[in-house]
Structure formats: C-alpha cells, structure tokens
Amino acid sequence: MNKKELRNHIKILGRNYTIEDLNVKSKQIFKNVEKELCFTESKVVMLFWSMADEVNTHEFIQKWHTQKTILLPVIQNDILEIKKFTGIENMFMESRFGIFQPAGDTYENLHEIDLIIVPGQAFDYQKNRIGRGKGYYDKLLERNNFTKAGICFDFQIVDKVPTENFDIKMDLVISEEVVIK
C-alpha cells in the first residue's frame, strides 16, 4: 500500500469503534505512557490536542500540565509553532484545521523539550510513522534531539509503513496493548 491507501485503510478500520471505545483505549495508552522512563523523568513534554480520530489527549494534558511543562503545536502559515498549555480556558479554535490551540507566545527553547508525543495515522514495528501528509512533525523532529514517542491505537500498527528519506523514525511507539522499543 502507498501512504494514501494506508491512510484510507486505517480510517476504515477506525470506523469500527465508537468514541467511547476509543476513549477507553486512549486511557490505556496513557497508562502505558506514564510507565515509561522517558515520561517519568521528563520535565518538558510536547503533546498535541487530539482530533476525533486520534488518541484522545485532552484528559492527559489537563492532568499533567501543573506537574510538567506541557507544550502543544500551533500551525501558523504552514509552520509548526510550539506554545505552552496553560489551561483549557486559554485555548481557541483554529479555523483552518478546526483544532483547539493554546494562545500565548511561541515557546522558543526547543532544546529544553525532553519528550515529544507524536500522533500518526499508522506506525510499524520498525517505529516508522506516517502522519496526515503535511510534514509538519517531520520538519520539527529532524531539527531537534529529544525522545520521540508515537502514540496510536492497536489497529494503527501495521507490518510496514511506506517511508521516504525525510520521514523520521520514533524512538518508541505506544498503543493500548503494545510498546515498541
């Protein structure tokens, strides 16, 4: 399968689950994240404010933002900017992608990030990832040296993800049943 076909395949598989099913799976994924040394030792963690078809990050972000510095991406003019999460009350709806994003200043100290928790449409056992096809995360990941943890539902793990030379591998991939290191 090429990337487009794989994205469509995963989308079809995702339709087999209710929002409630995915929320239960999301909670288990984050229980697994919380067991990982890369998370327990981190002080600055970048996540993402999830969309409906992604691992639900909302509860996890709100749980941890008073104990760790939690950063979220913001798309500005086709560039991924990073901002600190300071509470749900300081979020706004971005119009282009319909994603809630934090208000405030851009976080410039990217070298301080210990862990980035990365979304994906599919991952494989070699820790390859495909996203939505815009390359926002690959550009960020190639410039920085922090632990990269992909999170996904079990049905998003496949034998082989098609890759290109600019695709960045994860250091680990965490689902509700599997942790690939």
C-alpha atoms as a PDB file:
ATOM      1  CA  MET A   1       0.000   0.000   0.000  1.00  0.00           C
ATOM      2  CA  ASN A   2       1.123   3.528  -0.637  1.00  0.00           C
ATOM      3  CA  LYS A   3       0.682   6.225   2.026  1.00  0.00           C
ATOM      4  CA  LYS A   4      -2.690   7.414   0.736  1.00  0.00           C
ATOM      5  CA  GLU A   5      -4.081   3.873   0.589  1.00  0.00           C
ATOM      6  CA  LEU A   6      -2.771   3.133   4.077  1.00  0.00           C
ATOM      7  CA  ARG A   7      -4.359   6.291   5.499  1.00  0.00           C
ATOM      8  CA  ASN A   8      -7.694   5.289   3.938  1.00  0.00           C
ATOM      9  CA  HIS A   9      -7.350   1.718   5.251  1.00  0.00           C
ATOM     10  CA  ILE A  10      -6.723   2.973   8.809  1.00  0.00           C
ATOM     11  CA  LYS A  11      -9.651   5.381   8.541  1.00  0.00           C
ATOM     12  CA  ILE A  12     -11.951   2.491   7.588  1.00  0.00           C
ATOM     13  CA  LEU A  13     -10.654   0.378  10.498  1.00  0.00           C
ATOM     14  CA  GLY A  14     -11.279   3.272  12.884  1.00  0.00           C
ATOM     15  CA  ARG A  15     -14.954   3.352  11.940  1.00  0.00           C
ATOM     16  CA  ASN A  16     -15.371   0.009  13.729  1.00  0.00           C
ATOM     17  CA  TYR A  17     -15.003   1.770  17.097  1.00  0.00           C
ATOM     18  CA  THR A  18     -17.274   4.162  18.943  1.00  0.00           C
ATOM     19  CA  ILE A  19     -15.985   7.354  20.567  1.00  0.00           C
ATOM     20  CA  GLU A  20     -16.424   5.568  23.908  1.00  0.00           C
ATOM     21  CA  ASP A  21     -14.292   2.628  22.687  1.00  0.00           C
ATOM     22  CA  LEU A  22     -11.547   4.994  21.550  1.00  0.00           C
ATOM     23  CA  ASN A  23     -11.645   6.916  24.840  1.00  0.00           C
ATOM     24  CA  VAL A  24     -11.174   3.678  26.816  1.00  0.00           C
ATOM     25  CA  LYS A  25      -8.288   2.725  24.531  1.00  0.00           C
ATOM     26  CA  SER A  26      -6.817   6.230  24.919  1.00  0.00           C
ATOM     27  CA  LYS A  27      -6.825   5.951  28.712  1.00  0.00           C
ATOM     28  CA  GLN A  28      -4.937   2.654  28.491  1.00  0.00           C
ATOM     29  CA  ILE A  29      -2.410   4.154  26.079  1.00  0.00           C
ATOM     30  CA  PHE A  30      -1.682   6.938  28.549  1.00  0.00           C
ATOM     31  CA  LYS A  31      -1.371   4.467  31.428  1.00  0.00           C
ATOM     32  CA  ASN A  32       1.346   2.873  29.311  1.00  0.00           C
ATOM     33  CA  VAL A  33       2.957   6.272  28.614  1.00  0.00           C
ATOM     34  CA  GLU A  34       3.051   7.010  32.349  1.00  0.00           C
ATOM     35  CA  LYS A  35       5.063   3.799  32.939  1.00  0.00           C
ATOM     36  CA  GLU A  36       7.818   4.784  30.513  1.00  0.00           C
ATOM     37  CA  LEU A  37      11.039   6.229  31.917  1.00  0.00           C
ATOM     38  CA  CYS A  38      11.167   8.818  29.143  1.00  0.00           C
ATOM     39  CA  PHE A  39       7.923  10.247  30.543  1.00  0.00           C
ATOM     40  CA  THR A  40       8.536   9.886  34.270  1.00  0.00           C
ATOM     41  CA  GLU A  41      11.919  11.626  34.005  1.00  0.00           C
ATOM     42  CA  SER A  42      10.745  14.368  31.651  1.00  0.00           C
ATOM     43  CA  LYS A  43      10.128  17.949  32.714  1.00  0.00           C
ATOM     44  CA  VAL A  44       9.081  19.418  29.354  1.00  0.00           C
ATOM     45  CA  VAL A  45       6.717  17.349  27.197  1.00  0.00           C
ATOM     46  CA  MET A  46       5.223  18.277  23.849  1.00  0.00           C
ATOM     47  CA  LEU A  47       1.889  16.655  23.035  1.00  0.00           C
ATOM     48  CA  PHE A  48      -0.946  17.580  20.669  1.00  0.00           C
ATOM     49  CA  TRP A  49      -4.576  18.498  21.209  1.00  0.00           C
ATOM     50  CA  SER A  50      -6.219  15.497  19.585  1.00  0.00           C
ATOM     51  CA  MET A  51      -8.849  15.391  16.891  1.00  0.00           C
ATOM     52  CA  ALA A  52     -11.747  12.907  16.966  1.00  0.00           C
ATOM     53  CA  ASP A  53      -9.896  10.150  15.072  1.00  0.00           C
ATOM     54  CA  GLU A  54      -6.733  10.355  17.199  1.00  0.00           C
ATOM     55  CA  VAL A  55      -5.755   9.041  20.620  1.00  0.00           C
ATOM     56  CA  ASN A  56      -7.625  11.373  22.992  1.00  0.00           C
ATOM     57  CA  THR A  57      -5.000  13.557  24.685  1.00  0.00           C
ATOM     58  CA  HIS A  58      -7.282  16.106  26.379  1.00  0.00           C
ATOM     59  CA  GLU A  59      -7.602  14.474  29.803  1.00  0.00           C
ATOM     60  CA  PHE A  60      -3.907  13.568  29.933  1.00  0.00           C
ATOM     61  CA  ILE A  61      -2.800  17.112  29.076  1.00  0.00           C
ATOM     62  CA  GLN A  62      -5.058  18.593  31.734  1.00  0.00           C
ATOM     63  CA  LYS A  63      -3.889  16.023  34.295  1.00  0.00           C
ATOM     64  CA  TRP A  64      -0.177  16.733  33.833  1.00  0.00           C
ATOM     65  CA  HIS A  65       0.097  20.429  32.937  1.00  0.00           C
ATOM     66  CA  THR A  66       0.511  21.515  36.566  1.00  0.00           C
ATOM     67  CA  GLN A  67       3.338  18.996  37.141  1.00  0.00           C
ATOM     68  CA  LYS A  68       5.254  19.270  33.874  1.00  0.00           C
ATOM     69  CA  THR A  69       5.615  21.930  31.219  1.00  0.00           C
ATOM     70  CA  ILE A  70       3.196  20.803  28.522  1.00  0.00           C
ATOM     71  CA  LEU A  71       3.653  22.210  25.036  1.00  0.00           C
ATOM     72  CA  LEU A  72       1.254  21.995  22.101  1.00  0.00           C
ATOM     73  CA  PRO A  73       1.751  22.663  18.385  1.00  0.00           C
ATOM     74  CA  VAL A  74       0.085  25.526  16.578  1.00  0.00           C
ATOM     75  CA  ILE A  75       0.008  25.794  12.777  1.00  0.00           C
ATOM     76  CA  GLN A  76       0.873  29.341  11.676  1.00  0.00           C
ATOM     77  CA  ASN A  77       1.335  29.988   7.949  1.00  0.00           C
ATOM     78  CA  ASP A  78       2.224  26.337   7.286  1.00  0.00           C
ATOM     79  CA  ILE A  79       4.827  26.333  10.071  1.00  0.00           C
ATOM     80  CA  LEU A  80       4.506  24.313  13.267  1.00  0.00           C
ATOM     81  CA  GLU A  81       4.959  26.654  16.211  1.00  0.00           C
ATOM     82  CA  ILE A  82       5.060  25.467  19.802  1.00  0.00           C
ATOM     83  CA  LYS A  83       3.126  27.085  22.658  1.00  0.00           C
ATOM     84  CA  LYS A  84       2.767  26.286  26.348  1.00  0.00           C
ATOM     85  CA  PHE A  85      -0.531  24.839  27.547  1.00  0.00           C
ATOM     86  CA  THR A  86      -1.749  26.968  30.459  1.00  0.00           C
ATOM     87  CA  GLY A  87      -5.283  25.619  30.787  1.00  0.00           C
ATOM     88  CA  ILE A  88      -8.333  24.903  28.687  1.00  0.00           C
ATOM     89  CA  GLU A  89      -9.578  28.444  29.278  1.00  0.00           C
ATOM     90  CA  ASN A  90      -6.579  29.735  27.269  1.00  0.00           C
ATOM     91  CA  MET A  91      -7.361  27.727  24.134  1.00  0.00           C
ATOM     92  CA  PHE A  92      -9.004  28.941  20.932  1.00  0.00           C
ATOM     93  CA  MET A  93     -10.440  27.211  17.862  1.00  0.00           C
ATOM     94  CA  GLU A  94      -8.109  27.461  14.889  1.00  0.00           C
ATOM     95  CA  SER A  95     -10.188  27.854  11.737  1.00  0.00           C
ATOM     96  CA  ARG A  96      -8.150  26.093   9.039  1.00  0.00           C
ATOM     97  CA  PHE A  97      -7.959  22.625  10.639  1.00  0.00           C
ATOM     98  CA  GLY A  98     -10.602  23.073  13.350  1.00  0.00           C
ATOM     99  CA  ILE A  99      -8.157  22.255  16.149  1.00  0.00           C
ATOM    100  CA  PHE A 100      -8.083  23.846  19.585  1.00  0.00           C
ATOM    101  CA  GLN A 101      -4.776  25.606  20.123  1.00  0.00           C
ATOM    102  CA  PRO A 102      -3.185  27.462  23.028  1.00  0.00           C
ATOM    103  CA  ALA A 103      -2.968  31.234  22.957  1.00  0.00           C
ATOM    104  CA  GLY A 104       0.193  32.959  24.083  1.00  0.00           C
ATOM    105  CA  ASP A 105       3.765  33.376  22.985  1.00  0.00           C
ATOM    106  CA  THR A 106       5.739  30.899  20.917  1.00  0.00           C
ATOM    107  CA  TYR A 107       7.928  28.624  23.022  1.00  0.00           C
ATOM    108  CA  GLU A 108      11.425  29.243  21.709  1.00  0.00           C
ATOM    109  CA  ASN A 109      13.523  26.923  23.915  1.00  0.00           C
ATOM    110  CA  LEU A 110      13.014  23.749  21.906  1.00  0.00           C
ATOM    111  CA  HIS A 111      16.283  22.330  23.282  1.00  0.00           C
ATOM    112  CA  GLU A 112      14.505  22.047  26.672  1.00  0.00           C
ATOM    113  CA  ILE A 113      11.964  19.527  25.372  1.00  0.00           C
ATOM    114  CA  ASP A 114      12.632  16.108  26.884  1.00  0.00           C
ATOM    115  CA  LEU A 115       9.863  14.147  25.180  1.00  0.00           C
ATOM    116  CA  ILE A 116       7.584  14.700  22.232  1.00  0.00           C
ATOM    117  CA  ILE A 117       4.468  12.548  21.987  1.00  0.00           C
ATOM    118  CA  VAL A 118       3.646  12.334  18.302  1.00  0.00           C
ATOM    119  CA  PRO A 119       0.375  11.482  16.565  1.00  0.00           C
ATOM    120  CA  GLY A 120       0.260   9.347  13.465  1.00  0.00           C
ATOM    121  CA  GLN A 121      -2.121   7.698  11.076  1.00  0.00           C
ATOM    122  CA  ALA A 122      -0.076   4.487  11.129  1.00  0.00           C
ATOM    123  CA  PHE A 123       3.111   3.082  12.664  1.00  0.00           C
ATOM    124  CA  ASP A 124       5.072  -0.105  12.052  1.00  0.00           C
ATOM    125  CA  TYR A 125       7.247  -2.409  14.159  1.00  0.00           C
ATOM    126  CA  GLN A 126      10.379  -0.634  12.935  1.00  0.00           C
ATOM    127  CA  LYS A 127       8.984   2.591  14.527  1.00  0.00           C
ATOM    128  CA  ASN A 128       8.247   4.276  11.197  1.00  0.00           C
ATOM    129  CA  ARG A 129       5.311   6.654  11.081  1.00  0.00           C
ATOM    130  CA  ILE A 130       3.021   8.309   8.589  1.00  0.00           C
ATOM    131  CA  GLY A 131       1.058  11.368   9.539  1.00  0.00           C
ATOM    132  CA  ARG A 132      -1.573  13.296   7.662  1.00  0.00           C
ATOM    133  CA  GLY A 133       0.815  14.150   4.847  1.00  0.00           C
ATOM    134  CA  LYS A 134       1.741  17.749   5.569  1.00  0.00           C
ATOM    135  CA  GLY A 135       5.198  17.014   7.028  1.00  0.00           C
ATOM    136  CA  TYR A 136       4.823  19.383   9.994  1.00  0.00           C
ATOM    137  CA  TYR A 137       6.171  16.912  12.536  1.00  0.00           C
ATOM    138  CA  ASP A 138       8.988  15.599  10.333  1.00  0.00           C
ATOM    139  CA  LYS A 139      10.361  19.135   9.963  1.00  0.00           C
ATOM    140  CA  LEU A 140      10.284  19.644  13.731  1.00  0.00           C
ATOM    141  CA  LEU A 141      11.680  16.211  14.571  1.00  0.00           C
ATOM    142  CA  GLU A 142      14.632  16.418  12.182  1.00  0.00           C
ATOM    143  CA  ARG A 143      15.913  19.629  13.799  1.00  0.00           C
ATOM    144  CA  ASN A 144      15.864  18.544  17.413  1.00  0.00           C
ATOM    145  CA  ASN A 145      17.253  15.828  19.641  1.00  0.00           C
ATOM    146  CA  PHE A 146      14.578  14.683  22.065  1.00  0.00           C
ATOM    147  CA  THR A 147      12.834  11.380  22.717  1.00  0.00           C
ATOM    148  CA  LYS A 148      10.108  10.766  20.142  1.00  0.00           C
ATOM    149  CA  ALA A 149       7.194   8.587  21.252  1.00  0.00           C
ATOM    150  CA  GLY A 150       4.449   7.802  18.770  1.00  0.00           C
ATOM    151  CA  ILE A 151       1.040   7.001  20.223  1.00  0.00           C
ATOM    152  CA  CYS A 152      -1.690   5.128  18.403  1.00  0.00           C
ATOM    153  CA  PHE A 153      -4.455   2.583  18.669  1.00  0.00           C
ATOM    154  CA  ASP A 154      -3.524  -1.065  18.080  1.00  0.00           C
ATOM    155  CA  PHE A 155      -5.346  -1.057  14.727  1.00  0.00           C
ATOM    156  CA  GLN A 156      -2.948   1.673  13.544  1.00  0.00           C
ATOM    157  CA  ILE A 157       0.094  -0.597  13.866  1.00  0.00           C
ATOM    158  CA  VAL A 158       0.877  -2.322  10.576  1.00  0.00           C
ATOM    159  CA  ASP A 159       3.660  -4.576   9.319  1.00  0.00           C
ATOM    160  CA  LYS A 160       5.244  -1.952   7.080  1.00  0.00           C
ATOM    161  CA  VAL A 161       4.708   1.774   6.668  1.00  0.00           C
ATOM    162  CA  PRO A 162       5.887   3.191   3.334  1.00  0.00           C
ATOM    163  CA  THR A 163       8.693   5.667   4.057  1.00  0.00           C
ATOM    164  CA  GLU A 164      10.659   8.332   2.298  1.00  0.00           C
ATOM    165  CA  ASN A 165      14.082   9.749   3.134  1.00  0.00           C
ATOM    166  CA  PHE A 166      12.616  12.722   5.047  1.00  0.00           C
ATOM    167  CA  ASP A 167      10.411  10.559   7.337  1.00  0.00           C
ATOM    168  CA  ILE A 168      11.634  10.475  10.926  1.00  0.00           C
ATOM    169  CA  LYS A 169      11.516   7.259  12.991  1.00  0.00           C
ATOM    170  CA  MET A 170      10.159   7.220  16.508  1.00  0.00           C
ATOM    171  CA  ASP A 171      12.227   6.091  19.491  1.00  0.00           C
ATOM    172  CA  LEU A 172       9.225   4.127  20.724  1.00  0.00           C
ATOM    173  CA  VAL A 173       5.591   3.537  19.742  1.00  0.00           C
ATOM    174  CA  ILE A 174       2.923   3.095  22.413  1.00  0.00           C
ATOM    175  CA  SER A 175      -0.549   1.637  21.888  1.00  0.00           C
ATOM    176  CA  GLU A 176      -3.047   0.181  24.318  1.00  0.00           C
ATOM    177  CA  GLU A 177      -1.526  -3.321  24.081  1.00  0.00           C
ATOM    178  CA  VAL A 178       1.981  -2.845  22.651  1.00  0.00           C
ATOM    179  CA  VAL A 179       5.067  -0.779  23.398  1.00  0.00           C
ATOM    180  CA  ILE A 180       7.586  -0.997  20.549  1.00  0.00           C
ATOM    181  CA  LYS A 181      11.133  -0.026  21.586  1.00  0.00           C
END
